[in-house]
């Protein structure tokens, strides 16, 4: 994947044509054929001009799929969440049908493999930044999986939250917190602390400077991970093993 940027649309289009020419030349020199059918172009805040490679013309797309993640040109997760909810619904039906002769504990294993696994695959990318509506949409889809585990009807009033806690299945919010906290520990736990200046309560708890959260700055990975790190208990920050951290986070973030 190549990323180009510029101050104007004309500058971006010029760089796009240049990078396509460089790519085509590189492939030709090493004896490989560029797969034009899998080549895609997407613009952020502007629509790129069509690019011609050989006899094929590639037009800009509003959405591309990268490693199972749907990236939209408006930097929202609407389509990806909708697609993921569809996959979760299919998985819930599989638990209900294929696991109809299994016990609750075995169907719970299927849930963590088919539903929770789909959320964890690239959840760190989108879960911390989705809005409340999208979070609720995902939670509703996951609740269908909980109903399937317990053999309950698809519709009708049931205290699903209580069943989820009984089965020890994390909610979407809890799952997001655990993912960001784990990533924050990986990034910051080895950073040496400054020894100059007075020992304040913040420094004693190994807190990082509070990030600027205005506009898109608040959705940047570094901002999200810094906030997650500052919320962690000091005993978790000082842990040396990732396995230990994950176990402590299960107790720290729970429904």
C-alpha atoms as a PDB file:
ATOM      1  CA  UNK A   1       0.000   0.000   0.000  1.00  0.00           C
ATOM      2  CA  UNK A   2       1.283   3.463  -0.927  1.00  0.00           C
ATOM      3  CA  UNK A   3       0.080   6.685   0.697  1.00  0.00           C
ATOM      4  CA  UNK A   4       0.476  10.083  -0.961  1.00  0.00           C
ATOM      5  CA  UNK A   5      -0.650  13.473   0.296  1.00  0.00           C
ATOM      6  CA  UNK A   6      -0.636  17.054  -0.852  1.00  0.00           C
ATOM      7  CA  UNK A   7      -2.095  20.515  -0.325  1.00  0.00           C
ATOM      8  CA  UNK A   8      -4.300  20.341  -3.434  1.00  0.00           C
ATOM      9  CA  UNK A   9      -6.165  17.685  -5.414  1.00  0.00           C
ATOM     10  CA  UNK A  10      -3.933  18.370  -8.421  1.00  0.00           C
ATOM     11  CA  UNK A  11      -0.804  17.676  -6.377  1.00  0.00           C
ATOM     12  CA  UNK A  12      -2.277  14.415  -5.064  1.00  0.00           C
ATOM     13  CA  UNK A  13      -3.267  13.254  -8.559  1.00  0.00           C
ATOM     14  CA  UNK A  14       0.220  14.058  -9.858  1.00  0.00           C
ATOM     15  CA  UNK A  15       1.813  12.006  -7.068  1.00  0.00           C
ATOM     16  CA  UNK A  16      -0.637   9.158  -7.697  1.00  0.00           C
ATOM     17  CA  UNK A  17       0.345   8.940 -11.379  1.00  0.00           C
ATOM     18  CA  UNK A  18       4.005   9.055 -10.406  1.00  0.00           C
ATOM     19  CA  UNK A  19       3.722   6.255  -7.832  1.00  0.00           C
ATOM     20  CA  UNK A  20       1.726   4.063 -10.253  1.00  0.00           C
ATOM     21  CA  UNK A  21       4.423   4.510 -12.892  1.00  0.00           C
ATOM     22  CA  UNK A  22       7.136   3.599 -10.351  1.00  0.00           C
ATOM     23  CA  UNK A  23       5.203   0.530  -9.233  1.00  0.00           C
ATOM     24  CA  UNK A  24       4.628  -0.678 -12.808  1.00  0.00           C
ATOM     25  CA  UNK A  25       8.310  -0.210 -13.658  1.00  0.00           C
ATOM     26  CA  UNK A  26       9.444  -2.059 -10.509  1.00  0.00           C
ATOM     27  CA  UNK A  27       7.163  -5.042 -11.215  1.00  0.00           C
ATOM     28  CA  UNK A  28       8.317  -5.212 -14.838  1.00  0.00           C
ATOM     29  CA  UNK A  29      12.032  -5.138 -13.894  1.00  0.00           C
ATOM     30  CA  UNK A  30      11.755  -7.980 -11.388  1.00  0.00           C
ATOM     31  CA  UNK A  31       9.745 -10.100 -13.811  1.00  0.00           C
ATOM     32  CA  UNK A  32       6.361  -9.993 -12.104  1.00  0.00           C
ATOM     33  CA  UNK A  33       2.971  -8.930 -13.440  1.00  0.00           C
ATOM     34  CA  UNK A  34       1.033  -6.248 -11.572  1.00  0.00           C
ATOM     35  CA  UNK A  35      -2.422  -7.589 -10.710  1.00  0.00           C
ATOM     36  CA  UNK A  36      -4.511  -4.690 -11.940  1.00  0.00           C
ATOM     37  CA  UNK A  37      -7.779  -6.342 -10.863  1.00  0.00           C
ATOM     38  CA  UNK A  38      -6.664  -6.100  -7.238  1.00  0.00           C
ATOM     39  CA  UNK A  39      -5.302  -2.571  -7.487  1.00  0.00           C
ATOM     40  CA  UNK A  40      -7.505   0.016  -5.796  1.00  0.00           C
ATOM     41  CA  UNK A  41      -7.398   3.773  -5.237  1.00  0.00           C
ATOM     42  CA  UNK A  42      -9.190   5.750  -2.566  1.00  0.00           C
ATOM     43  CA  UNK A  43      -9.018   9.427  -1.667  1.00  0.00           C
ATOM     44  CA  UNK A  44      -9.634  11.164   1.624  1.00  0.00           C
ATOM     45  CA  UNK A  45     -11.305  14.574   1.369  1.00  0.00           C
ATOM     46  CA  UNK A  46     -11.155  14.469  -2.430  1.00  0.00           C
ATOM     47  CA  UNK A  47     -11.959  12.092  -5.305  1.00  0.00           C
ATOM     48  CA  UNK A  48      -8.826  11.013  -7.228  1.00  0.00           C
ATOM     49  CA  UNK A  49      -8.819  10.987 -11.015  1.00  0.00           C
ATOM     50  CA  UNK A  50      -8.997   7.563 -12.723  1.00  0.00           C
ATOM     51  CA  UNK A  51      -5.612   5.896 -13.265  1.00  0.00           C
ATOM     52  CA  UNK A  52      -4.786   3.910 -16.405  1.00  0.00           C
ATOM     53  CA  UNK A  53      -2.463   0.892 -16.200  1.00  0.00           C
ATOM     54  CA  UNK A  54      -1.976  -0.779 -19.557  1.00  0.00           C
ATOM     55  CA  UNK A  55      -5.437  -1.221 -21.035  1.00  0.00           C
ATOM     56  CA  UNK A  56      -7.243  -1.047 -17.694  1.00  0.00           C
ATOM     57  CA  UNK A  57      -8.646   2.056 -16.032  1.00  0.00           C
ATOM     58  CA  UNK A  58      -8.923   2.128 -12.236  1.00  0.00           C
ATOM     59  CA  UNK A  59     -11.484   4.490 -10.760  1.00  0.00           C
ATOM     60  CA  UNK A  60     -11.490   5.736  -7.185  1.00  0.00           C
ATOM     61  CA  UNK A  61     -13.509   3.775  -4.629  1.00  0.00           C
ATOM     62  CA  UNK A  62     -15.406   5.029  -1.621  1.00  0.00           C
ATOM     63  CA  UNK A  63     -14.399   1.944   0.367  1.00  0.00           C
ATOM     64  CA  UNK A  64     -11.611  -0.639   0.321  1.00  0.00           C
ATOM     65  CA  UNK A  65     -11.079  -3.840   2.269  1.00  0.00           C
ATOM     66  CA  UNK A  66      -7.693  -4.342   3.917  1.00  0.00           C
ATOM     67  CA  UNK A  67      -6.977  -7.460   6.018  1.00  0.00           C
ATOM     68  CA  UNK A  68     -10.692  -7.972   6.651  1.00  0.00           C
ATOM     69  CA  UNK A  69     -11.256  -4.346   7.657  1.00  0.00           C
ATOM     70  CA  UNK A  70     -13.524  -2.083   5.607  1.00  0.00           C
ATOM     71  CA  UNK A  71     -11.956   1.376   5.337  1.00  0.00           C
ATOM     72  CA  UNK A  72     -14.260   4.182   4.193  1.00  0.00           C
ATOM     73  CA  UNK A  73     -13.165   7.435   2.602  1.00  0.00           C
ATOM     74  CA  UNK A  74     -15.072   9.386   5.287  1.00  0.00           C
ATOM     75  CA  UNK A  75     -13.040   7.638   8.028  1.00  0.00           C
ATOM     76  CA  UNK A  76     -16.156   6.118   9.603  1.00  0.00           C
ATOM     77  CA  UNK A  77     -16.820   2.493  10.567  1.00  0.00           C
ATOM     78  CA  UNK A  78     -20.495   2.271   9.522  1.00  0.00           C
ATOM     79  CA  UNK A  79     -20.047  -0.316   6.761  1.00  0.00           C
ATOM     80  CA  UNK A  80     -17.557  -2.412   8.705  1.00  0.00           C
ATOM     81  CA  UNK A  81     -19.815  -2.572  11.778  1.00  0.00           C
ATOM     82  CA  UNK A  82     -22.799  -3.517   9.614  1.00  0.00           C
ATOM     83  CA  UNK A  83     -20.795  -6.255   7.898  1.00  0.00           C
ATOM     84  CA  UNK A  84     -19.460  -7.528  11.225  1.00  0.00           C
ATOM     85  CA  UNK A  85     -22.971  -7.650  12.700  1.00  0.00           C
ATOM     86  CA  UNK A  86     -24.003  -9.821   9.755  1.00  0.00           C
ATOM     87  CA  UNK A  87     -21.125 -12.227  10.415  1.00  0.00           C
ATOM     88  CA  UNK A  88     -22.018 -12.367  14.120  1.00  0.00           C
ATOM     89  CA  UNK A  89     -25.652 -13.131  13.249  1.00  0.00           C
ATOM     90  CA  UNK A  90     -24.541 -16.023  11.033  1.00  0.00           C
ATOM     91  CA  UNK A  91     -22.275 -17.315  13.820  1.00  0.00           C
ATOM     92  CA  UNK A  92     -25.139 -17.100  16.344  1.00  0.00           C
ATOM     93  CA  UNK A  93     -27.326 -19.175  14.019  1.00  0.00           C
ATOM     94  CA  UNK A  94     -24.537 -21.737  13.689  1.00  0.00           C
ATOM     95  CA  UNK A  95     -24.303 -21.989  17.481  1.00  0.00           C
ATOM     96  CA  UNK A  96     -28.073 -22.425  17.654  1.00  0.00           C
ATOM     97  CA  UNK A  97     -28.246 -25.066  14.900  1.00  0.00           C
ATOM     98  CA  UNK A  98     -24.896 -26.878  14.876  1.00  0.00           C
ATOM     99  CA  UNK A  99     -24.604 -26.794  18.661  1.00  0.00           C
ATOM    100  CA  UNK A 100     -28.162 -27.785  19.506  1.00  0.00           C
ATOM    101  CA  UNK A 101     -26.984 -31.083  21.022  1.00  0.00           C
ATOM    102  CA  UNK A 102     -24.087 -29.515  22.954  1.00  0.00           C
ATOM    103  CA  UNK A 103     -24.057 -28.362  26.568  1.00  0.00           C
ATOM    104  CA  UNK A 104     -23.868 -24.693  27.569  1.00  0.00           C
ATOM    105  CA  UNK A 105     -20.120 -24.793  28.273  1.00  0.00           C
ATOM    106  CA  UNK A 106     -19.384 -26.250  24.826  1.00  0.00           C
ATOM    107  CA  UNK A 107     -21.595 -23.665  23.094  1.00  0.00           C
ATOM    108  CA  UNK A 108     -19.761 -20.967  25.059  1.00  0.00           C
ATOM    109  CA  UNK A 109     -16.529 -22.213  23.487  1.00  0.00           C
ATOM    110  CA  UNK A 110     -18.147 -21.840  20.071  1.00  0.00           C
ATOM    111  CA  UNK A 111     -19.130 -18.271  20.977  1.00  0.00           C
ATOM    112  CA  UNK A 112     -15.565 -17.311  21.843  1.00  0.00           C
ATOM    113  CA  UNK A 113     -14.281 -18.926  18.667  1.00  0.00           C
ATOM    114  CA  UNK A 114     -16.844 -17.676  16.158  1.00  0.00           C
ATOM    115  CA  UNK A 115     -18.087 -14.373  17.633  1.00  0.00           C
ATOM    116  CA  UNK A 116     -15.482 -13.115  20.080  1.00  0.00           C
ATOM    117  CA  UNK A 117     -12.753 -14.173  17.647  1.00  0.00           C
ATOM    118  CA  UNK A 118     -14.271 -12.029  14.902  1.00  0.00           C
ATOM    119  CA  UNK A 119     -14.284  -9.030  17.250  1.00  0.00           C
ATOM    120  CA  UNK A 120     -10.691  -9.574  18.378  1.00  0.00           C
ATOM    121  CA  UNK A 121      -9.320 -10.052  14.847  1.00  0.00           C
ATOM    122  CA  UNK A 122      -8.993  -6.289  14.268  1.00  0.00           C
ATOM    123  CA  UNK A 123     -11.008  -4.880  17.171  1.00  0.00           C
ATOM    124  CA  UNK A 124      -8.198  -2.618  18.352  1.00  0.00           C
ATOM    125  CA  UNK A 125      -8.516  -0.710  15.071  1.00  0.00           C
ATOM    126  CA  UNK A 126     -12.183   0.255  15.280  1.00  0.00           C
ATOM    127  CA  UNK A 127     -13.691  -0.560  18.706  1.00  0.00           C
ATOM    128  CA  UNK A 128     -12.111   2.399  20.580  1.00  0.00           C
ATOM    129  CA  UNK A 129     -13.455   4.930  18.048  1.00  0.00           C
ATOM    130  CA  UNK A 130     -16.951   3.694  17.131  1.00  0.00           C
ATOM    131  CA  UNK A 131     -19.879   5.796  18.310  1.00  0.00           C
ATOM    132  CA  UNK A 132     -22.578   4.789  20.807  1.00  0.00           C
ATOM    133  CA  UNK A 133     -25.022   3.713  18.084  1.00  0.00           C
ATOM    134  CA  UNK A 134     -22.492   1.394  16.440  1.00  0.00           C
ATOM    135  CA  UNK A 135     -21.474  -0.006  19.822  1.00  0.00           C
ATOM    136  CA  UNK A 136     -25.100  -0.768  20.632  1.00  0.00           C
ATOM    137  CA  UNK A 137     -25.533  -2.354  17.204  1.00  0.00           C
ATOM    138  CA  UNK A 138     -22.610  -4.708  17.862  1.00  0.00           C
ATOM    139  CA  UNK A 139     -23.811  -5.483  21.371  1.00  0.00           C
ATOM    140  CA  UNK A 140     -27.272  -6.406  20.078  1.00  0.00           C
ATOM    141  CA  UNK A 141     -25.694  -8.784  17.567  1.00  0.00           C
ATOM    142  CA  UNK A 142     -23.553 -10.378  20.285  1.00  0.00           C
ATOM    143  CA  UNK A 143     -26.613 -10.754  22.511  1.00  0.00           C
ATOM    144  CA  UNK A 144     -28.075 -13.045  19.859  1.00  0.00           C
ATOM    145  CA  UNK A 145     -25.062 -15.278  20.432  1.00  0.00           C
ATOM    146  CA  UNK A 146     -25.738 -15.299  24.182  1.00  0.00           C
ATOM    147  CA  UNK A 147     -29.367 -16.265  23.507  1.00  0.00           C
ATOM    148  CA  UNK A 148     -28.136 -19.088  21.253  1.00  0.00           C
ATOM    149  CA  UNK A 149     -25.854 -20.414  24.005  1.00  0.00           C
ATOM    150  CA  UNK A 150     -28.750 -20.574  26.462  1.00  0.00           C
ATOM    151  CA  UNK A 151     -31.187 -21.941  23.870  1.00  0.00           C
ATOM    152  CA  UNK A 152     -33.509 -18.939  24.213  1.00  0.00           C
ATOM    153  CA  UNK A 153     -35.802 -17.528  21.486  1.00  0.00           C
ATOM    154  CA  UNK A 154     -34.334 -14.906  19.169  1.00  0.00           C
ATOM    155  CA  UNK A 155     -36.868 -12.298  20.288  1.00  0.00           C
ATOM    156  CA  UNK A 156     -38.609 -11.448  23.538  1.00  0.00           C
ATOM    157  CA  UNK A 157     -37.587  -9.878  26.831  1.00  0.00           C
ATOM    158  CA  UNK A 158     -34.675 -11.616  28.544  1.00  0.00           C
ATOM    159  CA  UNK A 159     -32.145 -10.209  31.017  1.00  0.00           C
ATOM    160  CA  UNK A 160     -29.282 -10.761  28.585  1.00  0.00           C
ATOM    161  CA  UNK A 161     -26.815  -8.681  30.631  1.00  0.00           C
ATOM    162  CA  UNK A 162     -27.271 -10.975  33.615  1.00  0.00           C
ATOM    163  CA  UNK A 163     -26.822 -14.055  31.410  1.00  0.00           C
ATOM    164  CA  UNK A 164     -23.692 -12.552  29.880  1.00  0.00           C
ATOM    165  CA  UNK A 165     -22.195 -11.944  33.326  1.00  0.00           C
ATOM    166  CA  UNK A 166     -23.120 -15.481  34.366  1.00  0.00           C
ATOM    167  CA  UNK A 167     -21.343 -16.881  31.309  1.00  0.00           C
ATOM    168  CA  UNK A 168     -18.392 -14.527  31.925  1.00  0.00           C
ATOM    169  CA  UNK A 169     -18.672 -13.064  28.417  1.00  0.00           C
ATOM    170  CA  UNK A 170     -17.367  -9.477  28.129  1.00  0.00           C
ATOM    171  CA  UNK A 171     -19.535  -6.736  26.654  1.00  0.00           C
ATOM    172  CA  UNK A 172     -18.388  -4.652  23.685  1.00  0.00           C
ATOM    173  CA  UNK A 173     -17.382  -1.809  26.019  1.00  0.00           C
ATOM    174  CA  UNK A 174     -15.377  -4.109  28.295  1.00  0.00           C
ATOM    175  CA  UNK A 175     -13.729  -5.816  25.324  1.00  0.00           C
ATOM    176  CA  UNK A 176     -12.696  -2.437  23.919  1.00  0.00           C
ATOM    177  CA  UNK A 177     -11.225  -1.353  27.263  1.00  0.00           C
ATOM    178  CA  UNK A 178      -9.224  -4.572  27.593  1.00  0.00           C
ATOM    179  CA  UNK A 179      -7.849  -4.307  24.060  1.00  0.00           C
ATOM    180  CA  UNK A 180      -6.742  -0.692  24.444  1.00  0.00           C
ATOM    181  CA  UNK A 181      -5.293  -1.312  27.928  1.00  0.00           C
ATOM    182  CA  UNK A 182      -3.278  -4.300  26.677  1.00  0.00           C
ATOM    183  CA  UNK A 183      -1.949  -2.295  23.728  1.00  0.00           C
ATOM    184  CA  UNK A 184      -1.126   0.614  26.060  1.00  0.00           C
ATOM    185  CA  UNK A 185       0.877  -1.667  28.358  1.00  0.00           C
ATOM    186  CA  UNK A 186       2.823  -3.057  25.386  1.00  0.00           C
ATOM    187  CA  UNK A 187       3.715   0.448  24.216  1.00  0.00           C
ATOM    188  CA  UNK A 188       4.492   2.242  27.475  1.00  0.00           C
ATOM    189  CA  UNK A 189       5.588  -0.254  30.145  1.00  0.00           C
ATOM    190  CA  UNK A 190       9.240  -0.238  29.035  1.00  0.00           C
ATOM    191  CA  UNK A 191       9.552   3.553  28.728  1.00  0.00           C
ATOM    192  CA  UNK A 192      12.010   4.753  31.430  1.00  0.00           C
ATOM    193  CA  UNK A 193      10.676   7.316  33.874  1.00  0.00           C
ATOM    194  CA  UNK A 194      12.423  10.690  34.253  1.00  0.00           C
ATOM    195  CA  UNK A 195      14.396  11.014  37.489  1.00  0.00           C
ATOM    196  CA  UNK A 196      14.668  14.810  37.442  1.00  0.00           C
ATOM    197  CA  UNK A 197      12.244  17.039  39.327  1.00  0.00           C
ATOM    198  CA  UNK A 198      10.009  16.372  42.323  1.00  0.00           C
ATOM    199  CA  UNK A 199       8.223  13.043  42.779  1.00  0.00           C
ATOM    200  CA  UNK A 200       4.565  13.971  42.271  1.00  0.00           C
ATOM    201  CA  UNK A 201       1.591  11.637  42.632  1.00  0.00           C
ATOM    202  CA  UNK A 202       1.234  11.530  38.861  1.00  0.00           C
ATOM    203  CA  UNK A 203       4.879  10.532  38.333  1.00  0.00           C
ATOM    204  CA  UNK A 204       4.665   7.961  41.097  1.00  0.00           C
ATOM    205  CA  UNK A 205       1.733   6.342  39.264  1.00  0.00           C
ATOM    206  CA  UNK A 206       3.736   6.453  35.991  1.00  0.00           C
ATOM    207  CA  UNK A 207       1.170   8.598  34.209  1.00  0.00           C
ATOM    208  CA  UNK A 208       1.863  10.115  30.808  1.00  0.00           C
ATOM    209  CA  UNK A 209       1.118  13.747  29.860  1.00  0.00           C
ATOM    210  CA  UNK A 210      -2.564  14.134  29.044  1.00  0.00           C
ATOM    211  CA  UNK A 211      -3.075  14.180  25.234  1.00  0.00           C
ATOM    212  CA  UNK A 212      -4.915  16.825  23.240  1.00  0.00           C
ATOM    213  CA  UNK A 213      -8.314  15.295  22.400  1.00  0.00           C
ATOM    214  CA  UNK A 214      -9.790  18.060  20.247  1.00  0.00           C
ATOM    215  CA  UNK A 215     -11.105  16.975  16.835  1.00  0.00           C
ATOM    216  CA  UNK A 216      -9.277  14.127  15.106  1.00  0.00           C
ATOM    217  CA  UNK A 217      -6.453  14.308  17.643  1.00  0.00           C
ATOM    218  CA  UNK A 218      -8.720  12.545  20.140  1.00  0.00           C
ATOM    219  CA  UNK A 219      -9.144   9.592  17.732  1.00  0.00           C
ATOM    220  CA  UNK A 220      -5.445   9.067  17.122  1.00  0.00           C
ATOM    221  CA  UNK A 221      -3.976   5.796  18.396  1.00  0.00           C
ATOM    222  CA  UNK A 222      -1.419   7.498  20.593  1.00  0.00           C
ATOM    223  CA  UNK A 223      -4.111   9.602  22.317  1.00  0.00           C
ATOM    224  CA  UNK A 224      -6.340   6.585  22.954  1.00  0.00           C
ATOM    225  CA  UNK A 225      -3.480   4.454  24.283  1.00  0.00           C
ATOM    226  CA  UNK A 226      -2.186   7.252  26.507  1.00  0.00           C
ATOM    227  CA  UNK A 227      -5.608   7.669  28.120  1.00  0.00           C
ATOM    228  CA  UNK A 228      -5.881   3.892  28.595  1.00  0.00           C
ATOM    229  CA  UNK A 229      -2.421   3.776  30.204  1.00  0.00           C
ATOM    230  CA  UNK A 230      -3.233   6.575  32.637  1.00  0.00           C
ATOM    231  CA  UNK A 231      -6.378   4.718  33.797  1.00  0.00           C
ATOM    232  CA  UNK A 232      -4.476   1.529  34.646  1.00  0.00           C
ATOM    233  CA  UNK A 233      -3.726   0.506  38.189  1.00  0.00           C
ATOM    234  CA  UNK A 234      -0.016   0.946  39.079  1.00  0.00           C
ATOM    235  CA  UNK A 235       0.330  -2.763  39.850  1.00  0.00           C
ATOM    236  CA  UNK A 236      -0.720  -3.564  36.269  1.00  0.00           C
ATOM    237  CA  UNK A 237       1.738  -1.031  34.848  1.00  0.00           C
ATOM    238  CA  UNK A 238       4.603  -2.626  36.795  1.00  0.00           C
ATOM    239  CA  UNK A 239       3.786  -6.166  35.648  1.00  0.00           C
ATOM    240  CA  UNK A 240       6.498  -7.806  33.561  1.00  0.00           C
ATOM    241  CA  UNK A 241       4.476 -10.538  31.866  1.00  0.00           C
ATOM    242  CA  UNK A 242       1.823 -10.000  29.195  1.00  0.00           C
ATOM    243  CA  UNK A 243       0.006 -13.087  30.472  1.00  0.00           C
ATOM    244  CA  UNK A 244      -0.164 -11.568  33.952  1.00  0.00           C
ATOM    245  CA  UNK A 245      -1.362  -8.254  32.552  1.00  0.00           C
ATOM    246  CA  UNK A 246      -4.206  -9.892  30.618  1.00  0.00           C
ATOM    247  CA  UNK A 247      -5.356 -11.767  33.726  1.00  0.00           C
ATOM    248  CA  UNK A 248      -5.276  -8.601  35.823  1.00  0.00           C
ATOM    249  CA  UNK A 249      -7.168  -6.662  33.158  1.00  0.00           C
ATOM    250  CA  UNK A 250      -9.976  -9.230  33.257  1.00  0.00           C
ATOM    251  CA  UNK A 251     -10.486  -8.311  36.912  1.00  0.00           C
ATOM    252  CA  UNK A 252      -9.843  -4.587  36.326  1.00  0.00           C
ATOM    253  CA  UNK A 253     -12.332  -4.309  33.456  1.00  0.00           C
ATOM    254  CA  UNK A 254     -15.394  -6.440  34.027  1.00  0.00           C
ATOM    255  CA  UNK A 255     -19.131  -6.004  33.538  1.00  0.00           C
END
